[in-house]
N, C-alpha and C. Protein backbone atom coordinates (compact mmCIF):
# COMPACT_ATOMS: atom_id res chain seq x y z
N UNK A 1 -19.79 -165.02 45.90
CA UNK A 1 -21.23 -165.14 45.65
C UNK A 1 -21.86 -165.91 46.77
N UNK A 2 -22.97 -165.46 47.41
CA UNK A 2 -23.59 -166.17 48.49
C UNK A 2 -24.24 -167.45 48.01
N UNK A 3 -24.32 -168.46 48.86
CA UNK A 3 -24.94 -169.75 48.44
C UNK A 3 -26.41 -169.56 48.13
N UNK A 4 -26.87 -170.28 47.12
CA UNK A 4 -28.28 -170.24 46.69
C UNK A 4 -29.05 -171.35 47.34
N UNK A 5 -30.23 -171.04 47.84
CA UNK A 5 -31.10 -172.05 48.43
C UNK A 5 -32.16 -172.47 47.40
N UNK A 6 -32.28 -173.76 47.18
CA UNK A 6 -33.23 -174.28 46.18
C UNK A 6 -34.45 -174.77 46.93
N UNK A 7 -35.64 -174.28 46.59
CA UNK A 7 -36.90 -174.68 47.19
C UNK A 7 -37.66 -175.57 46.20
N UNK A 8 -38.17 -176.67 46.70
CA UNK A 8 -38.94 -177.60 45.83
C UNK A 8 -40.38 -177.61 46.31
N UNK A 9 -41.32 -177.77 45.39
CA UNK A 9 -42.73 -177.87 45.71
C UNK A 9 -43.03 -179.18 46.42
N UNK A 10 -43.93 -179.15 47.41
CA UNK A 10 -44.24 -180.43 48.11
C UNK A 10 -44.90 -181.42 47.17
N UNK A 11 -44.69 -182.69 47.38
CA UNK A 11 -45.25 -183.76 46.57
C UNK A 11 -46.70 -184.00 46.85
N UNK A 12 -47.30 -184.94 46.17
CA UNK A 12 -48.72 -185.25 46.38
C UNK A 12 -48.96 -185.74 47.81
N UNK A 13 -50.22 -185.62 48.26
CA UNK A 13 -50.57 -186.06 49.58
C UNK A 13 -50.31 -187.53 49.76
N UNK A 14 -49.84 -187.88 50.89
CA UNK A 14 -49.57 -189.30 51.17
C UNK A 14 -48.19 -189.74 50.73
N UNK A 15 -47.53 -188.96 49.97
CA UNK A 15 -46.20 -189.37 49.54
C UNK A 15 -45.18 -188.93 50.54
N UNK A 16 -44.11 -189.61 50.63
CA UNK A 16 -43.04 -189.27 51.60
C UNK A 16 -42.30 -187.99 51.16
N UNK A 17 -41.92 -187.19 52.11
CA UNK A 17 -41.24 -185.94 51.70
C UNK A 17 -39.99 -186.23 50.96
N UNK A 18 -39.78 -185.41 49.95
CA UNK A 18 -38.60 -185.59 49.09
C UNK A 18 -37.35 -185.13 49.81
N UNK A 19 -36.31 -185.91 49.65
CA UNK A 19 -35.01 -185.53 50.24
C UNK A 19 -34.39 -184.39 49.43
N UNK A 20 -33.81 -183.45 50.12
CA UNK A 20 -33.19 -182.34 49.35
C UNK A 20 -32.05 -182.87 48.50
N UNK A 21 -32.03 -182.36 47.30
CA UNK A 21 -30.97 -182.83 46.38
C UNK A 21 -29.89 -181.81 46.33
N UNK A 22 -28.65 -182.23 46.46
CA UNK A 22 -27.49 -181.36 46.36
C UNK A 22 -26.63 -181.87 45.21
N UNK A 23 -26.48 -181.02 44.26
CA UNK A 23 -25.64 -181.43 43.14
C UNK A 23 -24.18 -181.16 43.46
N UNK A 24 -23.27 -181.90 42.86
CA UNK A 24 -21.83 -181.67 43.09
C UNK A 24 -21.42 -180.26 42.69
N UNK A 25 -22.08 -179.71 41.70
CA UNK A 25 -21.71 -178.34 41.29
C UNK A 25 -22.09 -177.32 42.36
N UNK A 26 -23.26 -177.53 43.01
CA UNK A 26 -23.67 -176.61 44.08
C UNK A 26 -22.73 -176.73 45.26
N UNK A 27 -22.36 -177.93 45.64
CA UNK A 27 -21.45 -178.13 46.74
C UNK A 27 -20.09 -177.50 46.45
N UNK A 28 -19.63 -177.56 45.23
CA UNK A 28 -18.36 -176.96 44.88
C UNK A 28 -18.44 -175.44 44.98
N UNK A 29 -19.58 -174.84 44.53
CA UNK A 29 -19.71 -173.39 44.64
C UNK A 29 -19.75 -172.97 46.10
N UNK A 30 -20.45 -173.73 46.94
CA UNK A 30 -20.57 -173.37 48.37
C UNK A 30 -19.19 -173.48 49.04
N UNK A 31 -18.43 -174.52 48.70
CA UNK A 31 -17.08 -174.68 49.27
C UNK A 31 -16.17 -173.56 48.87
N UNK A 32 -16.22 -173.15 47.59
CA UNK A 32 -15.39 -172.07 47.12
C UNK A 32 -15.79 -170.75 47.79
N UNK A 33 -17.06 -170.54 48.00
CA UNK A 33 -17.50 -169.30 48.67
C UNK A 33 -17.00 -169.26 50.13
N UNK A 34 -17.02 -170.41 50.81
CA UNK A 34 -16.49 -170.44 52.20
C UNK A 34 -15.01 -170.12 52.22
N UNK A 35 -14.27 -170.66 51.24
CA UNK A 35 -12.83 -170.39 51.19
C UNK A 35 -12.58 -168.89 50.93
N UNK A 36 -13.41 -168.30 50.03
CA UNK A 36 -13.22 -166.87 49.74
C UNK A 36 -13.49 -166.03 50.97
N UNK A 37 -14.55 -166.37 51.76
CA UNK A 37 -14.83 -165.61 52.95
C UNK A 37 -13.70 -165.74 53.99
N UNK A 38 -13.16 -166.96 54.13
CA UNK A 38 -12.05 -167.17 55.08
C UNK A 38 -10.85 -166.33 54.68
N UNK A 39 -10.54 -166.35 53.35
CA UNK A 39 -9.40 -165.56 52.89
C UNK A 39 -9.61 -164.07 53.11
N UNK A 40 -10.86 -163.60 52.91
CA UNK A 40 -11.09 -162.16 53.12
C UNK A 40 -10.97 -161.79 54.57
N UNK A 41 -11.35 -162.68 55.49
CA UNK A 41 -11.23 -162.38 56.94
C UNK A 41 -9.76 -162.28 57.31
N UNK A 42 -8.90 -163.17 56.75
CA UNK A 42 -7.49 -163.15 57.08
C UNK A 42 -6.81 -161.89 56.56
N UNK A 43 -7.32 -161.35 55.45
CA UNK A 43 -6.72 -160.16 54.84
C UNK A 43 -7.54 -158.91 55.11
N UNK A 44 -8.14 -158.88 56.29
CA UNK A 44 -9.01 -157.73 56.60
C UNK A 44 -8.30 -156.38 56.47
N UNK A 45 -7.07 -156.15 57.04
CA UNK A 45 -6.49 -154.82 56.99
C UNK A 45 -6.25 -154.33 55.60
N UNK A 46 -5.99 -155.25 54.63
CA UNK A 46 -5.63 -154.82 53.30
C UNK A 46 -6.55 -155.45 52.24
N UNK A 47 -7.72 -155.93 52.65
CA UNK A 47 -8.60 -156.61 51.71
C UNK A 47 -9.25 -155.63 50.74
N UNK A 48 -9.81 -156.12 49.66
CA UNK A 48 -10.46 -155.25 48.67
C UNK A 48 -11.75 -154.67 49.26
N UNK A 49 -12.14 -153.58 48.73
CA UNK A 49 -13.35 -152.90 49.17
C UNK A 49 -14.55 -153.66 48.62
N UNK A 50 -15.59 -153.78 49.48
CA UNK A 50 -16.80 -154.47 49.08
C UNK A 50 -17.98 -153.50 49.17
N UNK A 51 -19.16 -154.05 49.20
CA UNK A 51 -20.35 -153.20 49.29
C UNK A 51 -20.48 -152.51 50.61
N UNK A 52 -21.47 -151.65 50.71
CA UNK A 52 -21.62 -150.86 51.94
C UNK A 52 -21.91 -151.73 53.14
N UNK A 53 -22.78 -152.77 52.98
CA UNK A 53 -23.10 -153.65 54.12
C UNK A 53 -21.89 -154.47 54.55
N UNK A 54 -21.20 -155.08 53.56
CA UNK A 54 -20.06 -155.90 53.91
C UNK A 54 -18.90 -155.05 54.45
N UNK A 55 -18.77 -153.79 53.96
CA UNK A 55 -17.71 -152.94 54.45
C UNK A 55 -17.89 -152.66 55.93
N UNK A 56 -19.13 -152.45 56.37
CA UNK A 56 -19.37 -152.20 57.79
C UNK A 56 -19.02 -153.39 58.63
N UNK A 57 -19.34 -154.62 58.12
CA UNK A 57 -18.98 -155.83 58.86
C UNK A 57 -17.48 -155.98 58.94
N UNK A 58 -16.79 -155.79 57.79
CA UNK A 58 -15.34 -155.93 57.75
C UNK A 58 -14.67 -154.90 58.60
N UNK A 59 -15.21 -153.65 58.63
CA UNK A 59 -14.59 -152.62 59.48
C UNK A 59 -14.68 -152.99 60.94
N UNK A 60 -15.79 -153.55 61.36
CA UNK A 60 -15.94 -153.97 62.78
C UNK A 60 -14.98 -155.09 63.09
N UNK A 61 -14.85 -156.03 62.11
CA UNK A 61 -13.92 -157.14 62.33
C UNK A 61 -12.48 -156.67 62.40
N UNK A 62 -12.12 -155.71 61.51
CA UNK A 62 -10.76 -155.18 61.55
C UNK A 62 -10.46 -154.53 62.87
N UNK A 63 -11.41 -153.76 63.40
CA UNK A 63 -11.19 -153.12 64.70
C UNK A 63 -11.04 -154.17 65.81
N UNK A 64 -11.87 -155.25 65.70
CA UNK A 64 -11.81 -156.28 66.74
C UNK A 64 -10.49 -157.06 66.66
N UNK A 65 -9.98 -157.28 65.41
CA UNK A 65 -8.75 -158.10 65.28
C UNK A 65 -7.49 -157.25 65.45
N UNK A 66 -7.44 -156.08 64.79
CA UNK A 66 -6.25 -155.24 64.78
C UNK A 66 -6.12 -154.36 66.00
N UNK A 67 -7.22 -153.92 66.56
CA UNK A 67 -7.17 -152.98 67.70
C UNK A 67 -6.34 -153.48 68.86
N UNK A 68 -6.65 -154.67 69.39
CA UNK A 68 -5.81 -155.16 70.52
C UNK A 68 -4.36 -155.37 70.17
N UNK A 69 -4.07 -155.82 68.94
CA UNK A 69 -2.65 -156.03 68.56
C UNK A 69 -1.89 -154.73 68.53
N UNK A 70 -2.47 -153.69 67.90
CA UNK A 70 -1.79 -152.41 67.84
C UNK A 70 -1.66 -151.81 69.21
N UNK A 71 -2.66 -152.00 70.06
CA UNK A 71 -2.58 -151.47 71.43
C UNK A 71 -1.47 -152.12 72.21
N UNK A 72 -1.36 -153.46 72.05
CA UNK A 72 -0.26 -154.18 72.76
C UNK A 72 1.12 -153.72 72.29
N UNK A 73 1.26 -153.50 70.94
CA UNK A 73 2.55 -153.02 70.41
C UNK A 73 2.89 -151.63 70.97
N UNK A 74 1.90 -150.76 71.05
CA UNK A 74 2.13 -149.39 71.56
C UNK A 74 2.51 -149.42 73.03
N UNK A 75 1.79 -150.24 73.80
CA UNK A 75 2.11 -150.34 75.25
C UNK A 75 3.49 -150.93 75.46
N UNK A 76 3.88 -151.89 74.62
CA UNK A 76 5.22 -152.49 74.76
C UNK A 76 6.29 -151.50 74.49
N UNK A 77 6.14 -150.65 73.42
CA UNK A 77 7.12 -149.61 73.09
C UNK A 77 7.25 -148.57 74.22
N UNK A 78 6.05 -148.17 74.77
CA UNK A 78 6.10 -147.15 75.81
C UNK A 78 6.71 -147.68 77.09
N UNK A 79 6.48 -148.97 77.37
CA UNK A 79 6.99 -149.53 78.63
C UNK A 79 8.50 -149.73 78.59
N UNK A 80 9.05 -149.88 77.38
CA UNK A 80 10.51 -150.08 77.27
C UNK A 80 11.30 -148.80 77.29
N UNK A 81 10.79 -147.76 76.58
CA UNK A 81 11.55 -146.51 76.46
C UNK A 81 11.77 -145.81 77.78
N UNK A 82 10.73 -145.60 78.62
CA UNK A 82 10.96 -144.86 79.87
C UNK A 82 11.90 -145.58 80.81
N UNK A 83 11.90 -146.93 80.75
CA UNK A 83 12.81 -147.66 81.66
C UNK A 83 14.25 -147.31 81.37
N UNK A 84 14.61 -147.25 80.05
CA UNK A 84 15.98 -146.90 79.72
C UNK A 84 16.32 -145.47 80.17
N UNK A 85 15.36 -144.50 79.99
CA UNK A 85 15.64 -143.16 80.40
C UNK A 85 15.79 -143.04 81.92
N UNK A 86 15.00 -143.81 82.65
CA UNK A 86 15.10 -143.76 84.11
C UNK A 86 16.43 -144.34 84.59
N UNK A 87 16.93 -145.39 83.91
CA UNK A 87 18.17 -145.98 84.33
C UNK A 87 19.31 -144.99 84.09
N UNK A 88 19.28 -144.26 82.96
CA UNK A 88 20.35 -143.30 82.69
C UNK A 88 20.22 -142.10 83.65
N UNK A 89 19.00 -141.68 83.99
CA UNK A 89 18.80 -140.52 84.81
C UNK A 89 19.17 -140.76 86.27
N UNK A 90 19.07 -142.02 86.75
CA UNK A 90 19.31 -142.31 88.13
C UNK A 90 20.71 -142.89 88.41
N UNK A 91 21.59 -142.80 87.41
CA UNK A 91 22.95 -143.27 87.66
C UNK A 91 23.62 -142.47 88.77
N UNK A 92 24.25 -143.08 89.71
CA UNK A 92 24.88 -142.31 90.81
C UNK A 92 26.05 -141.52 90.29
N UNK A 93 26.21 -140.31 90.83
CA UNK A 93 27.33 -139.42 90.46
C UNK A 93 28.44 -139.59 91.47
N UNK A 94 29.61 -140.07 91.04
CA UNK A 94 30.71 -140.31 91.95
C UNK A 94 31.50 -139.01 92.21
N UNK A 95 31.33 -138.01 91.30
CA UNK A 95 32.04 -136.75 91.45
C UNK A 95 31.03 -135.63 91.38
N UNK A 96 31.03 -134.76 92.42
CA UNK A 96 30.10 -133.63 92.44
C UNK A 96 30.83 -132.37 92.06
N UNK A 97 30.09 -131.36 91.67
CA UNK A 97 30.67 -130.07 91.24
C UNK A 97 31.27 -129.37 92.46
N UNK A 98 32.46 -128.84 92.24
CA UNK A 98 33.15 -128.09 93.29
C UNK A 98 32.42 -126.79 93.62
N UNK A 99 32.31 -126.49 94.87
CA UNK A 99 31.70 -125.23 95.35
C UNK A 99 32.66 -124.57 96.33
N UNK A 100 32.44 -123.28 96.59
CA UNK A 100 33.33 -122.60 97.57
C UNK A 100 33.35 -123.26 98.93
N UNK A 101 32.30 -124.01 99.26
CA UNK A 101 32.25 -124.65 100.59
C UNK A 101 33.20 -125.85 100.69
N UNK A 102 33.58 -126.42 99.56
CA UNK A 102 34.39 -127.65 99.64
C UNK A 102 35.82 -127.46 99.05
N UNK A 103 36.14 -126.28 98.58
CA UNK A 103 37.52 -126.05 98.11
C UNK A 103 38.08 -124.80 98.76
N UNK A 104 39.40 -124.75 98.81
CA UNK A 104 40.09 -123.57 99.37
C UNK A 104 41.12 -123.08 98.35
N UNK A 105 41.02 -121.80 98.04
CA UNK A 105 41.95 -121.19 97.06
C UNK A 105 42.80 -120.16 97.79
N UNK A 106 44.10 -120.21 97.54
CA UNK A 106 45.00 -119.28 98.26
C UNK A 106 46.17 -118.85 97.33
N UNK A 107 46.63 -117.65 97.55
CA UNK A 107 47.86 -117.18 96.89
C UNK A 107 49.07 -117.62 97.70
N UNK A 108 50.09 -117.93 96.96
CA UNK A 108 51.34 -118.39 97.62
C UNK A 108 52.50 -117.51 97.16
N UNK A 109 53.01 -116.68 98.09
CA UNK A 109 54.14 -115.79 97.78
C UNK A 109 55.25 -116.09 98.77
N UNK A 110 56.45 -115.85 98.39
CA UNK A 110 57.59 -116.15 99.25
C UNK A 110 57.81 -115.17 100.37
N UNK A 111 57.06 -114.06 100.31
CA UNK A 111 57.22 -113.03 101.37
C UNK A 111 56.30 -111.90 101.08
N UNK A 112 56.40 -110.84 101.90
CA UNK A 112 55.59 -109.64 101.74
C UNK A 112 56.35 -108.46 101.22
N UNK A 113 57.70 -108.60 101.11
CA UNK A 113 58.54 -107.50 100.67
C UNK A 113 59.55 -108.06 99.69
N UNK A 114 59.63 -107.38 98.52
CA UNK A 114 60.53 -107.84 97.47
C UNK A 114 61.40 -106.64 97.05
N UNK A 115 62.60 -106.98 96.63
CA UNK A 115 63.54 -105.91 96.31
C UNK A 115 63.65 -105.68 94.81
N UNK A 116 63.22 -106.61 93.99
CA UNK A 116 63.35 -106.45 92.54
C UNK A 116 62.35 -107.34 91.81
N UNK A 117 62.14 -107.02 90.54
CA UNK A 117 61.30 -107.87 89.66
C UNK A 117 62.19 -108.95 89.05
N UNK A 118 61.64 -110.06 88.53
CA UNK A 118 60.19 -110.32 88.48
C UNK A 118 59.60 -110.82 89.81
N UNK A 119 58.31 -110.64 89.92
CA UNK A 119 57.60 -111.13 91.11
C UNK A 119 57.03 -112.52 90.86
N UNK A 120 57.45 -113.47 91.65
CA UNK A 120 56.99 -114.85 91.48
C UNK A 120 55.61 -115.01 92.18
N UNK A 121 54.67 -115.52 91.39
CA UNK A 121 53.29 -115.69 91.88
C UNK A 121 52.88 -117.15 91.75
N UNK A 122 52.05 -117.59 92.68
CA UNK A 122 51.52 -118.96 92.62
C UNK A 122 50.13 -118.96 93.27
N UNK A 123 49.28 -119.81 92.77
CA UNK A 123 47.92 -119.97 93.27
C UNK A 123 47.62 -121.44 93.44
N UNK A 124 46.96 -121.82 94.51
CA UNK A 124 46.66 -123.23 94.78
C UNK A 124 45.17 -123.36 95.08
N UNK A 125 44.62 -124.51 94.68
CA UNK A 125 43.24 -124.87 95.03
C UNK A 125 43.30 -126.25 95.66
N UNK A 126 42.68 -126.38 96.81
CA UNK A 126 42.68 -127.64 97.56
C UNK A 126 41.26 -128.14 97.79
N UNK A 127 41.07 -129.42 97.61
CA UNK A 127 39.76 -130.02 97.91
C UNK A 127 39.72 -130.36 99.40
N UNK A 128 38.90 -129.62 100.13
CA UNK A 128 38.80 -129.85 101.56
C UNK A 128 37.64 -130.80 101.91
N UNK A 129 36.89 -131.27 100.91
CA UNK A 129 35.76 -132.18 101.17
C UNK A 129 36.27 -133.63 101.33
N UNK A 130 35.38 -134.46 101.78
CA UNK A 130 35.71 -135.88 101.97
C UNK A 130 35.41 -136.71 100.72
N UNK A 131 35.12 -136.06 99.62
CA UNK A 131 34.75 -136.78 98.35
C UNK A 131 35.42 -136.03 97.20
N UNK A 132 35.55 -136.67 96.05
CA UNK A 132 36.10 -135.99 94.88
C UNK A 132 35.13 -134.89 94.39
N UNK A 133 35.71 -133.90 93.72
CA UNK A 133 34.92 -132.80 93.15
C UNK A 133 35.34 -132.62 91.70
N UNK A 134 34.41 -132.04 90.91
CA UNK A 134 34.69 -131.81 89.51
C UNK A 134 34.92 -130.33 89.28
N UNK A 135 35.97 -130.02 88.52
CA UNK A 135 36.29 -128.68 88.10
C UNK A 135 36.00 -128.53 86.59
N UNK A 136 35.11 -127.65 86.27
CA UNK A 136 34.72 -127.43 84.86
C UNK A 136 35.23 -126.11 84.34
N UNK A 137 35.82 -126.16 83.14
CA UNK A 137 36.41 -124.99 82.54
C UNK A 137 35.73 -124.71 81.20
N UNK A 138 35.64 -123.39 80.87
CA UNK A 138 35.05 -123.01 79.57
C UNK A 138 36.08 -122.62 78.54
N UNK A 139 37.37 -122.59 78.93
CA UNK A 139 38.44 -122.25 77.96
C UNK A 139 39.72 -122.95 78.46
N UNK A 140 40.81 -122.67 77.77
CA UNK A 140 42.09 -123.24 78.19
C UNK A 140 42.74 -122.51 79.36
N UNK A 141 42.11 -121.46 79.85
CA UNK A 141 42.67 -120.70 80.97
C UNK A 141 42.34 -121.41 82.27
N UNK A 142 43.35 -121.55 83.14
CA UNK A 142 43.16 -122.16 84.46
C UNK A 142 43.12 -121.13 85.60
N UNK A 143 43.79 -120.02 85.44
CA UNK A 143 43.94 -119.06 86.54
C UNK A 143 44.19 -117.68 85.98
N UNK A 144 44.24 -116.68 86.89
CA UNK A 144 44.57 -115.31 86.50
C UNK A 144 45.12 -114.60 87.74
N UNK A 145 46.01 -113.67 87.50
CA UNK A 145 46.54 -112.78 88.53
C UNK A 145 46.34 -111.34 88.11
N UNK A 146 46.20 -110.46 89.10
CA UNK A 146 46.16 -109.03 88.82
C UNK A 146 46.82 -108.30 89.96
N UNK A 147 47.33 -107.10 89.65
CA UNK A 147 48.02 -106.26 90.63
C UNK A 147 47.41 -104.86 90.57
N UNK A 148 46.98 -104.37 91.68
CA UNK A 148 46.36 -103.03 91.80
C UNK A 148 47.19 -102.19 92.81
N UNK A 149 47.48 -101.01 92.40
CA UNK A 149 48.24 -100.14 93.30
C UNK A 149 47.41 -99.84 94.53
N UNK A 150 48.03 -99.79 95.67
CA UNK A 150 47.34 -99.58 96.95
C UNK A 150 46.60 -98.25 96.92
N UNK A 151 45.30 -98.28 97.30
CA UNK A 151 44.46 -97.08 97.30
C UNK A 151 43.72 -96.89 96.00
N UNK A 152 43.94 -97.72 94.98
CA UNK A 152 43.23 -97.63 93.71
C UNK A 152 42.32 -98.82 93.56
N UNK A 153 41.44 -98.73 92.53
CA UNK A 153 40.48 -99.81 92.29
C UNK A 153 40.66 -100.50 90.94
N UNK A 154 41.32 -99.82 90.01
CA UNK A 154 41.52 -100.40 88.66
C UNK A 154 42.86 -101.13 88.63
N UNK A 155 42.85 -102.41 88.23
CA UNK A 155 44.12 -103.14 88.16
C UNK A 155 45.15 -102.47 87.26
N UNK A 156 46.38 -102.43 87.72
CA UNK A 156 47.45 -101.89 86.90
C UNK A 156 48.01 -102.95 85.96
N UNK A 157 48.02 -104.18 86.39
CA UNK A 157 48.54 -105.27 85.57
C UNK A 157 47.67 -106.49 85.74
N UNK A 158 47.49 -107.24 84.62
CA UNK A 158 46.73 -108.49 84.66
C UNK A 158 47.48 -109.53 83.86
N UNK A 159 47.70 -110.66 84.43
CA UNK A 159 48.46 -111.72 83.74
C UNK A 159 47.76 -112.18 82.49
N UNK A 160 46.49 -112.36 82.45
CA UNK A 160 45.77 -112.89 81.29
C UNK A 160 45.76 -111.94 80.10
N UNK A 161 46.08 -110.66 80.33
CA UNK A 161 46.03 -109.70 79.22
C UNK A 161 47.03 -110.00 78.13
N UNK A 162 48.12 -110.66 78.43
CA UNK A 162 49.10 -110.98 77.44
C UNK A 162 48.97 -112.35 76.84
N UNK A 163 47.84 -113.01 77.05
CA UNK A 163 47.65 -114.38 76.57
C UNK A 163 46.33 -114.50 75.84
N UNK A 164 46.25 -115.52 75.01
CA UNK A 164 45.01 -115.84 74.30
C UNK A 164 44.53 -117.22 74.77
N UNK A 165 43.26 -117.34 75.06
CA UNK A 165 42.70 -118.61 75.55
C UNK A 165 41.51 -119.03 74.66
N UNK A 166 41.70 -119.98 73.78
CA UNK A 166 40.58 -120.43 72.93
C UNK A 166 39.53 -121.11 73.77
N UNK A 167 38.26 -121.03 73.35
CA UNK A 167 37.18 -121.74 74.06
C UNK A 167 37.43 -123.24 74.07
N UNK A 168 37.26 -123.81 75.22
CA UNK A 168 37.52 -125.25 75.38
C UNK A 168 36.74 -125.77 76.57
N UNK A 169 35.71 -126.56 76.32
CA UNK A 169 34.95 -127.15 77.42
C UNK A 169 35.67 -128.40 77.91
N UNK A 170 36.01 -128.41 79.18
CA UNK A 170 36.77 -129.54 79.75
C UNK A 170 36.44 -129.64 81.26
N UNK A 171 36.76 -130.78 81.81
CA UNK A 171 36.51 -131.02 83.24
C UNK A 171 37.70 -131.78 83.81
N UNK A 172 37.97 -131.52 85.08
CA UNK A 172 39.07 -132.17 85.77
C UNK A 172 38.60 -132.63 87.16
N UNK A 173 39.02 -133.79 87.52
CA UNK A 173 38.63 -134.34 88.83
C UNK A 173 39.71 -134.00 89.84
N UNK A 174 39.24 -133.56 91.03
CA UNK A 174 40.15 -133.22 92.12
C UNK A 174 39.74 -134.07 93.32
N UNK A 175 40.59 -135.02 93.68
CA UNK A 175 40.28 -135.94 94.80
C UNK A 175 40.36 -135.23 96.14
N UNK A 176 39.81 -135.88 97.12
CA UNK A 176 39.78 -135.31 98.48
C UNK A 176 41.21 -135.11 98.96
N UNK A 177 41.52 -133.92 99.46
CA UNK A 177 42.88 -133.60 99.97
C UNK A 177 43.88 -133.25 98.93
N UNK A 178 43.50 -133.31 97.66
CA UNK A 178 44.44 -133.01 96.54
C UNK A 178 44.54 -131.49 96.33
N UNK A 179 45.69 -131.07 95.77
CA UNK A 179 45.96 -129.62 95.55
C UNK A 179 46.42 -129.44 94.11
N UNK A 180 45.86 -128.45 93.46
CA UNK A 180 46.34 -128.01 92.15
C UNK A 180 47.09 -126.69 92.35
N UNK A 181 48.24 -126.58 91.73
CA UNK A 181 49.07 -125.37 91.88
C UNK A 181 49.48 -124.85 90.50
N UNK A 182 49.35 -123.54 90.31
CA UNK A 182 49.77 -122.90 89.05
C UNK A 182 50.68 -121.70 89.43
N UNK A 183 51.69 -121.51 88.60
CA UNK A 183 52.69 -120.46 88.87
C UNK A 183 52.81 -119.53 87.66
N UNK A 184 53.15 -118.28 87.94
CA UNK A 184 53.34 -117.29 86.88
C UNK A 184 54.29 -116.21 87.44
N UNK A 185 54.64 -115.26 86.57
CA UNK A 185 55.54 -114.15 86.95
C UNK A 185 54.91 -112.83 86.53
N UNK A 186 55.22 -111.83 87.34
CA UNK A 186 54.99 -110.44 86.94
C UNK A 186 56.39 -109.91 86.59
N UNK A 187 56.71 -109.89 85.30
CA UNK A 187 58.09 -109.70 84.92
C UNK A 187 58.67 -108.30 85.21
N UNK A 188 57.91 -107.27 85.00
CA UNK A 188 58.43 -105.90 85.14
C UNK A 188 57.65 -105.14 86.23
N UNK A 189 57.50 -105.72 87.39
CA UNK A 189 56.76 -105.07 88.46
C UNK A 189 57.48 -103.84 88.95
N UNK A 190 56.82 -102.69 88.93
CA UNK A 190 57.49 -101.45 89.39
C UNK A 190 57.46 -101.35 90.92
N UNK A 191 58.31 -100.54 91.49
CA UNK A 191 58.34 -100.36 92.95
C UNK A 191 57.01 -99.75 93.45
N UNK A 192 56.65 -100.12 94.67
CA UNK A 192 55.45 -99.58 95.25
C UNK A 192 54.77 -100.60 96.16
N UNK A 193 53.62 -100.21 96.66
CA UNK A 193 52.81 -101.08 97.51
C UNK A 193 51.65 -101.60 96.66
N UNK A 194 51.57 -102.91 96.51
CA UNK A 194 50.63 -103.51 95.57
C UNK A 194 49.69 -104.49 96.26
N UNK A 195 48.45 -104.54 95.72
CA UNK A 195 47.47 -105.54 96.16
C UNK A 195 47.39 -106.65 95.07
N UNK A 196 47.77 -107.85 95.43
CA UNK A 196 47.80 -108.95 94.47
C UNK A 196 46.52 -109.79 94.63
N UNK A 197 45.83 -110.01 93.54
CA UNK A 197 44.63 -110.87 93.55
C UNK A 197 44.86 -112.07 92.64
N UNK A 198 44.31 -113.14 93.06
CA UNK A 198 44.39 -114.38 92.25
C UNK A 198 43.03 -115.03 92.08
N UNK A 199 42.84 -115.68 90.97
CA UNK A 199 41.55 -116.30 90.67
C UNK A 199 41.76 -117.61 89.97
N UNK A 200 41.03 -118.62 90.44
CA UNK A 200 40.99 -119.90 89.75
C UNK A 200 39.73 -119.92 88.91
N UNK A 201 39.85 -120.21 87.58
CA UNK A 201 38.75 -119.96 86.65
C UNK A 201 37.73 -121.06 86.54
N UNK A 202 37.87 -122.19 87.25
CA UNK A 202 36.94 -123.28 87.13
C UNK A 202 35.60 -122.91 87.77
N UNK A 203 34.53 -123.50 87.25
CA UNK A 203 33.15 -123.40 87.84
C UNK A 203 32.73 -121.96 88.06
N UNK A 204 33.06 -121.11 87.10
CA UNK A 204 32.67 -119.71 87.23
C UNK A 204 33.64 -118.84 87.95
N UNK A 205 34.64 -119.42 88.60
CA UNK A 205 35.67 -118.62 89.26
C UNK A 205 35.68 -118.77 90.79
N UNK A 206 36.89 -119.03 91.33
CA UNK A 206 37.13 -119.06 92.78
C UNK A 206 38.22 -118.04 93.06
N UNK A 207 37.89 -117.07 93.89
CA UNK A 207 38.86 -115.99 94.19
C UNK A 207 39.62 -116.32 95.45
N UNK A 208 40.90 -116.03 95.39
CA UNK A 208 41.76 -116.17 96.57
C UNK A 208 41.75 -114.86 97.36
N UNK A 209 42.10 -114.96 98.59
CA UNK A 209 42.20 -113.77 99.44
C UNK A 209 43.30 -112.85 98.95
N UNK A 210 43.04 -111.57 99.00
CA UNK A 210 44.02 -110.60 98.49
C UNK A 210 45.27 -110.57 99.42
N UNK A 211 46.40 -110.35 98.78
CA UNK A 211 47.69 -110.27 99.49
C UNK A 211 48.33 -108.95 99.13
N UNK A 212 48.85 -108.21 100.13
CA UNK A 212 49.55 -106.97 99.91
C UNK A 212 51.07 -107.24 99.96
N UNK A 213 51.77 -106.69 98.96
CA UNK A 213 53.22 -106.85 98.91
C UNK A 213 53.84 -105.46 98.64
N UNK A 214 55.08 -105.38 98.97
CA UNK A 214 55.85 -104.16 98.70
C UNK A 214 57.04 -104.47 97.87
N UNK A 215 57.21 -103.70 96.80
CA UNK A 215 58.36 -103.87 95.93
C UNK A 215 59.22 -102.61 96.07
N UNK A 216 60.47 -102.78 96.52
CA UNK A 216 61.36 -101.63 96.79
C UNK A 216 62.02 -101.21 95.53
């Protein structure tokens, strides 16, 4: 309740002006009203609804008090999150993805002419770069061999055809100058002139140079 102002009639001419009288009850009401107004200002965000005039005043006060605080909280959250993302995004990579320019893949055979089966096959991949490289695989298969009769285009035999390779995402580090070697057999190779192809399955595949062999 707003404080009430008490007006008194002026006294007779020549008399001294009367001193305003304040009763203890009026002072108590005024003090309680001041406390109520202070409490309402402290509870502006969640205070009770008042009249249209007071609501406009309280709304302006809420914006003045709460606006800067909420803005500071939002700026603090935004300034912290991007810093963490930038730190993770700019971490140095010690191992780069292997490319044909930094690795060498080759078939390794004991000779060019063989007298009987099985035919021993081997494939090697070497890191020729001055830094480590990463080899990424999409399954448990590391390599493959195929044999095509000379003058034909369709492979007669493929090593992977007799195996099952479940999907498996994995990566392997190959240091500078290191070599990976895998071996297999062509158990029942028939006589003839054959073109042997080898492939390393990492990073989409690295093909070795074709080798021609003769089986008597």
